[in-house]
Amino acid sequence: MTQLILEQALNGLQFGLMLFLLAAGLTLVFGIMDMINLAHGSLYMAGAYLTAAATQASGSFMVGIATAMLATAVLGALVEVTLLRRLYARNHLAQVLATFALILIANEVVRMIWGAQPVLLNTPEELAGPVRIGGFLYPAYRLLIIAVGALVAGLLYLLVSRTRVGMWVRAGASNREMTEALGINVRLLFTAVFAAGAALCALAGAMLGPLLAVQVGMGESILILAFVVIVIGGIGSIRGALVGSLLVGLVDTLGRAALPSLLRTFLSSEIASNLGPALASVLIYVLMASILVWRPEGLFPARS
């Protein structure tokens, strides 16, 4: 039983850290630019598809990831310059409608290029086997995901909170006019932030591609969880996005593993198997509601 809990906790950690890569870019765009970008999940989908295509062409998973991150960052910058920049001064309803249209366009473009069927993205052969941890075996690839997620989280936190670029970003979010008066090109800075968020999306799509189906519309379901994460952690807070991602990942994974077994004690096996995962999904939103009652601005709200 202890081994099962530990294994599921590692699964929750892995899922939470990948969710953080998606939520980090979203919280920067939402918290700093005051921009609701529903098409953020489409960048995650683009990263997964581009990784699969580049890996198949080059034969190297690492080349596939690097290519996808670079291409998605350029794509994100182009979208920000040509469309999203015009929406910053508009209300949130206009932003939601415009970026929802981008989701539909992105899904159709992917269908035209890759077709409607899921695309195969295999786990690298050298990481396909298990690693012994204590008394049980755990997939090596999932450990790599945990390591990459933790490394990116640490680097991103240092970048935002300890560097001059991070200071510029925080200043631009706090008082754009004053920051521009001091000689900082805020428009270029915001484009760079959006491109960085797109690259993080691509990395999440690339790392989760071998575990999940690379298919049209794959970004919509995980985008909902990303919004839950930034609401729990606090809009605009990198630390909050990390803590919120880990909470959501652990609650979702442990709930899906434990609730069916718990429900079998007083329900039939078939009902428990169907009801358990559904209740686990509900637990995430119960967690969000509970935290908002306690701290309406989230656990770690970004401060000016």
Protein backbone atom coordinates (compact mmCIF):
# COMPACT_ATOMS: atom_id res chain seq x y z
CA MET A 1 0.00 0.00 0.00
CA THR A 2 2.86 2.38 0.86
CA GLN A 3 4.52 1.66 -2.49
CA LEU A 4 1.26 2.40 -4.31
CA ILE A 5 0.86 5.75 -2.53
CA LEU A 6 4.48 6.68 -3.25
CA GLU A 7 4.14 5.72 -6.90
CA GLN A 8 0.94 7.74 -7.30
CA ALA A 9 2.54 10.68 -5.48
CA LEU A 10 5.37 10.63 -8.03
CA ASN A 11 2.78 10.50 -10.82
CA GLY A 12 1.04 13.50 -9.26
CA LEU A 13 4.35 15.36 -8.97
CA GLN A 14 5.14 14.62 -12.63
CA PHE A 15 1.71 15.78 -13.80
CA GLY A 16 1.83 18.86 -11.58
CA LEU A 17 5.22 19.98 -12.89
CA MET A 18 4.11 19.59 -16.50
CA LEU A 19 0.95 21.51 -15.68
CA PHE A 20 3.17 24.22 -14.23
CA LEU A 21 4.93 24.68 -17.58
CA LEU A 22 1.55 25.42 -19.14
CA ALA A 23 0.26 27.53 -16.24
CA ALA A 24 3.46 29.59 -15.89
CA GLY A 25 3.12 31.13 -19.33
CA LEU A 26 -0.60 31.63 -18.82
CA THR A 27 -0.19 33.37 -15.46
CA LEU A 28 2.47 35.69 -16.90
CA VAL A 29 0.23 36.66 -19.81
CA PHE A 30 -2.89 36.96 -17.66
CA GLY A 31 -1.27 38.60 -14.63
CA ILE A 32 1.21 40.87 -16.38
CA MET A 33 -0.56 41.77 -19.62
CA ASP A 34 -4.12 41.48 -18.24
CA MET A 35 -4.85 39.32 -21.29
CA ILE A 36 -7.19 36.29 -21.22
CA ASN A 37 -5.72 33.99 -23.84
CA LEU A 38 -7.90 30.93 -24.40
CA ALA A 39 -5.64 29.90 -27.28
CA HIS A 40 -2.81 29.10 -24.85
CA GLY A 41 -3.76 25.42 -25.04
CA SER A 42 -3.42 25.55 -28.84
CA LEU A 43 0.28 26.40 -28.39
CA TYR A 44 0.58 23.30 -26.19
CA MET A 45 -1.02 21.27 -29.00
CA ALA A 46 1.29 22.86 -31.59
CA GLY A 47 4.32 21.95 -29.47
CA ALA A 48 3.26 18.30 -29.31
CA TYR A 49 2.62 18.04 -33.06
CA LEU A 50 5.82 19.87 -34.00
CA THR A 51 7.83 17.64 -31.66
CA ALA A 52 6.36 14.52 -33.28
CA ALA A 53 7.10 15.83 -36.78
CA ALA A 54 10.64 16.99 -35.98
CA THR A 55 11.44 13.77 -34.09
CA GLN A 56 10.27 11.66 -37.01
CA ALA A 57 12.30 13.75 -39.47
CA SER A 58 15.51 13.88 -37.41
CA GLY A 59 15.33 10.61 -35.48
CA SER A 60 16.19 12.46 -32.26
CA PHE A 61 13.69 13.29 -29.51
CA MET A 62 15.92 16.08 -28.17
CA VAL A 63 16.14 17.70 -31.60
CA GLY A 64 12.36 17.40 -31.82
CA ILE A 65 11.88 19.20 -28.49
CA ALA A 66 14.34 21.99 -29.34
CA THR A 67 12.78 22.52 -32.78
CA ALA A 68 9.25 22.58 -31.38
CA MET A 69 10.14 25.08 -28.63
CA LEU A 70 11.84 27.44 -31.07
CA ALA A 71 9.09 27.18 -33.70
CA THR A 72 6.31 27.61 -31.13
CA ALA A 73 8.05 30.62 -29.58
CA VAL A 74 8.25 32.26 -33.03
CA LEU A 75 4.60 31.35 -33.68
CA GLY A 76 3.58 32.81 -30.33
CA ALA A 77 5.48 36.04 -31.02
CA LEU A 78 3.81 36.38 -34.43
CA VAL A 79 0.36 35.84 -32.93
CA GLU A 80 1.08 38.41 -30.20
CA VAL A 81 2.34 41.04 -32.65
CA THR A 82 -0.34 40.59 -35.30
CA LEU A 83 -3.44 39.96 -33.20
CA LEU A 84 -3.17 39.90 -29.42
CA ARG A 85 -1.40 43.24 -29.17
CA ARG A 86 -4.55 44.85 -30.59
CA LEU A 87 -6.63 43.28 -27.81
CA TYR A 88 -4.74 44.56 -24.75
CA ALA A 89 -6.84 47.71 -24.56
CA ARG A 90 -10.09 45.83 -25.22
CA ASN A 91 -12.30 44.32 -22.53
CA HIS A 92 -12.04 40.69 -21.46
CA LEU A 93 -15.10 39.65 -23.45
CA ALA A 94 -13.44 40.74 -26.70
CA GLN A 95 -10.28 38.87 -25.69
CA VAL A 96 -12.22 35.69 -24.93
CA LEU A 97 -14.10 35.79 -28.24
CA ALA A 98 -10.98 36.51 -30.31
CA THR A 99 -8.81 33.84 -28.68
CA PHE A 100 -11.65 31.29 -28.83
CA ALA A 101 -11.71 31.91 -32.58
CA LEU A 102 -7.96 31.19 -32.58
CA ILE A 103 -8.67 27.77 -30.98
CA LEU A 104 -11.05 26.86 -33.81
CA ILE A 105 -8.59 28.09 -36.45
CA ALA A 106 -5.67 26.20 -34.86
CA ASN A 107 -7.64 22.95 -34.69
CA GLU A 108 -8.60 23.17 -38.36
CA VAL A 109 -5.04 24.03 -39.42
CA VAL A 110 -3.74 20.98 -37.54
CA ARG A 111 -6.39 18.79 -39.20
CA MET A 112 -5.34 20.03 -42.63
CA ILE A 113 -1.64 19.36 -41.97
CA TRP A 114 -1.65 16.16 -39.90
CA GLY A 115 -5.18 14.80 -40.37
CA ALA A 116 -7.83 13.98 -37.78
CA GLN A 117 -6.17 10.82 -36.44
CA PRO A 118 -3.81 10.96 -33.42
CA VAL A 119 -0.10 11.24 -34.22
CA LEU A 120 2.33 8.80 -32.64
CA LEU A 121 5.13 10.19 -30.45
CA ASN A 122 7.13 7.41 -28.84
CA THR A 123 9.12 7.51 -25.61
CA PRO A 124 12.88 7.63 -26.35
CA GLU A 125 14.29 4.09 -26.34
CA GLU A 126 16.96 4.88 -23.76
CA LEU A 127 14.26 6.07 -21.34
CA ALA A 128 11.63 3.43 -22.08
CA GLY A 129 12.61 1.14 -19.22
CA PRO A 130 11.97 1.40 -15.47
CA VAL A 131 14.23 2.57 -12.66
CA ARG A 132 14.22 0.92 -9.24
CA ILE A 133 13.29 3.34 -6.45
CA GLY A 134 13.33 1.67 -3.05
CA GLY A 135 11.20 -1.42 -3.41
CA PHE A 136 9.39 -0.66 -6.66
CA LEU A 137 10.06 0.11 -10.31
CA TYR A 138 9.18 3.51 -11.77
CA PRO A 139 9.36 4.61 -15.45
CA ALA A 140 12.60 6.42 -16.25
CA TYR A 141 10.83 8.81 -18.62
CA ARG A 142 8.49 10.03 -15.87
CA LEU A 143 11.52 10.72 -13.68
CA LEU A 144 12.98 12.77 -16.52
CA ILE A 145 9.74 14.78 -16.69
CA ILE A 146 9.98 15.47 -12.95
CA ALA A 147 13.61 16.59 -13.29
CA VAL A 148 12.90 18.85 -16.28
CA GLY A 149 9.85 20.39 -14.62
CA ALA A 150 11.73 21.09 -11.38
CA LEU A 151 14.68 22.59 -13.27
CA VAL A 152 12.48 24.89 -15.37
CA ALA A 153 10.50 25.95 -12.29
CA GLY A 154 13.70 26.93 -10.47
CA LEU A 155 15.15 28.79 -13.46
CA LEU A 156 11.90 30.63 -14.14
CA TYR A 157 11.57 31.72 -10.52
CA LEU A 158 15.15 33.05 -10.54
CA LEU A 159 14.57 34.82 -13.86
CA VAL A 160 11.44 36.61 -12.71
CA SER A 161 12.48 37.46 -9.15
CA ARG A 162 16.28 37.83 -9.28
CA THR A 163 17.25 39.29 -12.66
CA ARG A 164 17.03 42.66 -14.37
CA VAL A 165 14.71 41.25 -17.04
CA GLY A 166 12.37 40.01 -14.34
CA MET A 167 12.47 43.46 -12.75
CA TRP A 168 11.50 45.02 -16.09
CA VAL A 169 8.61 42.57 -16.46
CA ARG A 170 7.30 43.29 -12.96
CA ALA A 171 7.70 47.04 -13.50
CA GLY A 172 5.87 46.90 -16.83
CA ALA A 173 3.00 45.04 -15.22
CA SER A 174 2.83 47.48 -12.30
CA ASN A 175 3.09 50.78 -14.19
CA ARG A 176 3.53 50.57 -17.95
CA GLU A 177 3.72 54.34 -18.56
CA MET A 178 6.43 54.91 -15.96
CA THR A 179 8.43 51.92 -17.22
CA GLU A 180 8.33 53.25 -20.80
CA ALA A 181 9.38 56.68 -19.52
CA LEU A 182 12.48 55.05 -18.04
CA GLY A 183 13.48 53.81 -21.50
CA ILE A 184 12.19 50.22 -21.42
CA ASN A 185 10.48 48.99 -24.60
CA VAL A 186 7.44 47.43 -22.92
CA ARG A 187 5.86 46.26 -26.19
CA LEU A 188 8.98 44.29 -27.10
CA LEU A 189 9.22 43.00 -23.53
CA PHE A 190 5.63 41.74 -23.58
CA THR A 191 6.25 40.02 -26.93
CA ALA A 192 9.27 38.27 -25.42
CA VAL A 193 7.19 37.19 -22.40
CA PHE A 194 4.51 35.77 -24.67
CA ALA A 195 7.10 33.94 -26.77
CA ALA A 196 8.65 32.47 -23.61
CA GLY A 197 5.23 31.30 -22.45
CA ALA A 198 4.66 29.68 -25.86
CA ALA A 199 8.01 27.87 -25.60
CA LEU A 200 7.04 26.53 -22.17
CA CYS A 201 3.75 25.31 -23.67
CA ALA A 202 5.69 23.52 -26.40
CA LEU A 203 7.95 21.90 -23.81
CA ALA A 204 4.93 20.63 -21.87
CA GLY A 205 3.35 19.29 -25.06
CA ALA A 206 6.60 17.62 -26.09
CA MET A 207 7.17 15.96 -22.71
CA LEU A 208 3.57 14.78 -22.29
CA GLY A 209 3.18 13.72 -25.92
CA PRO A 210 4.60 10.19 -25.40
CA LEU A 211 2.26 9.68 -22.40
CA LEU A 212 -0.95 11.23 -23.80
CA ALA A 213 -2.51 11.15 -27.23
CA VAL A 214 -1.19 13.80 -29.62
CA GLN A 215 -4.48 14.76 -31.22
CA VAL A 216 -6.59 17.68 -32.36
CA GLY A 217 -8.12 19.60 -29.45
CA MET A 218 -5.72 18.19 -26.85
CA GLY A 219 -5.09 21.66 -25.43
CA GLU A 220 -8.65 22.47 -24.39
CA SER A 221 -9.00 20.05 -21.49
CA ILE A 222 -5.63 20.84 -19.94
CA LEU A 223 -6.24 24.59 -20.41
CA ILE A 224 -9.13 24.39 -17.94
CA LEU A 225 -6.77 22.88 -15.35
CA ALA A 226 -4.23 25.62 -16.08
CA PHE A 227 -6.81 28.31 -15.31
CA VAL A 228 -7.71 26.47 -12.08
CA VAL A 229 -4.01 26.46 -11.17
CA ILE A 230 -3.51 30.21 -11.62
CA VAL A 231 -6.71 30.98 -9.70
CA ILE A 232 -5.54 28.78 -6.81
CA GLY A 233 -1.97 30.12 -6.83
CA GLY A 234 -2.77 33.77 -7.48
CA ILE A 235 -2.89 35.51 -10.85
CA GLY A 236 0.53 36.67 -12.00
CA SER A 237 2.49 34.67 -9.40
CA ILE A 238 5.10 32.14 -10.56
CA ARG A 239 5.40 30.73 -7.05
CA GLY A 240 1.62 30.45 -6.88
CA ALA A 241 1.51 28.69 -10.26
CA LEU A 242 4.04 26.12 -9.01
CA VAL A 243 2.24 25.44 -5.73
CA GLY A 244 -1.15 25.37 -7.44
CA SER A 245 0.11 22.96 -10.11
CA LEU A 246 1.51 20.57 -7.53
CA LEU A 247 -1.71 20.68 -5.51
CA VAL A 248 -3.87 20.00 -8.55
CA GLY A 249 -1.56 17.27 -9.81
CA LEU A 250 -1.46 15.45 -6.47
CA VAL A 251 -5.19 15.80 -5.76
CA ASP A 252 -6.13 14.57 -9.23
CA THR A 253 -3.70 11.63 -9.31
CA LEU A 254 -4.14 10.44 -5.74
CA GLY A 255 -7.91 10.92 -6.01
CA ARG A 256 -8.13 8.76 -9.14
CA ALA A 257 -6.03 6.07 -7.47
CA ALA A 258 -7.64 6.03 -4.02
CA LEU A 259 -11.31 6.88 -4.53
CA PRO A 260 -12.29 3.77 -6.58
CA SER A 261 -10.81 1.49 -3.90
CA LEU A 262 -12.52 3.47 -1.16
CA LEU A 263 -15.88 3.38 -2.93
CA ARG A 264 -15.69 -0.40 -3.43
CA THR A 265 -16.18 -0.86 0.30
CA PHE A 266 -19.85 0.11 0.01
CA LEU A 267 -20.58 0.14 -3.76
CA SER A 268 -20.30 -2.41 -6.54
CA SER A 269 -16.98 -2.63 -8.38
CA GLU A 270 -18.43 -1.31 -11.65
CA ILE A 271 -20.06 1.74 -10.05
CA ALA A 272 -16.95 2.48 -7.98
CA SER A 273 -14.70 2.29 -11.07
CA ASN A 274 -16.88 4.79 -12.94
CA LEU A 275 -17.66 7.10 -10.02
CA GLY A 276 -14.15 7.32 -8.56
CA PRO A 277 -12.43 9.22 -11.43
CA ALA A 278 -15.44 11.56 -11.74
CA LEU A 279 -15.27 12.44 -8.04
CA ALA A 280 -11.52 12.92 -8.34
CA SER A 281 -12.12 15.53 -11.04
CA VAL A 282 -14.69 17.24 -8.81
CA LEU A 283 -12.17 17.36 -5.94
CA ILE A 284 -10.01 19.77 -7.94
CA TYR A 285 -12.82 22.32 -8.12
CA VAL A 286 -13.73 21.73 -4.47
CA LEU A 287 -10.10 22.52 -3.65
CA MET A 288 -10.26 25.72 -5.72
CA ALA A 289 -13.52 26.83 -4.10
CA SER A 290 -12.18 26.13 -0.60
CA ILE A 291 -9.00 28.14 -1.21
CA LEU A 292 -10.95 31.06 -2.70
CA VAL A 293 -13.21 31.16 0.37
CA TRP A 294 -10.11 31.31 2.56
CA ARG A 295 -7.96 33.53 0.30
CA PRO A 296 -10.01 35.20 -2.48
CA GLU A 297 -6.85 36.42 -4.29
CA GLY A 298 -5.21 32.98 -4.29
CA LEU A 299 -2.43 31.51 -2.17
CA PHE A 300 0.38 33.80 -3.39
CA PRO A 301 -1.13 36.84 -5.14
CA ALA A 302 1.33 38.91 -7.17
CA ARG A 303 1.95 42.27 -5.56
CA SER A 304 2.99 45.53 -7.14
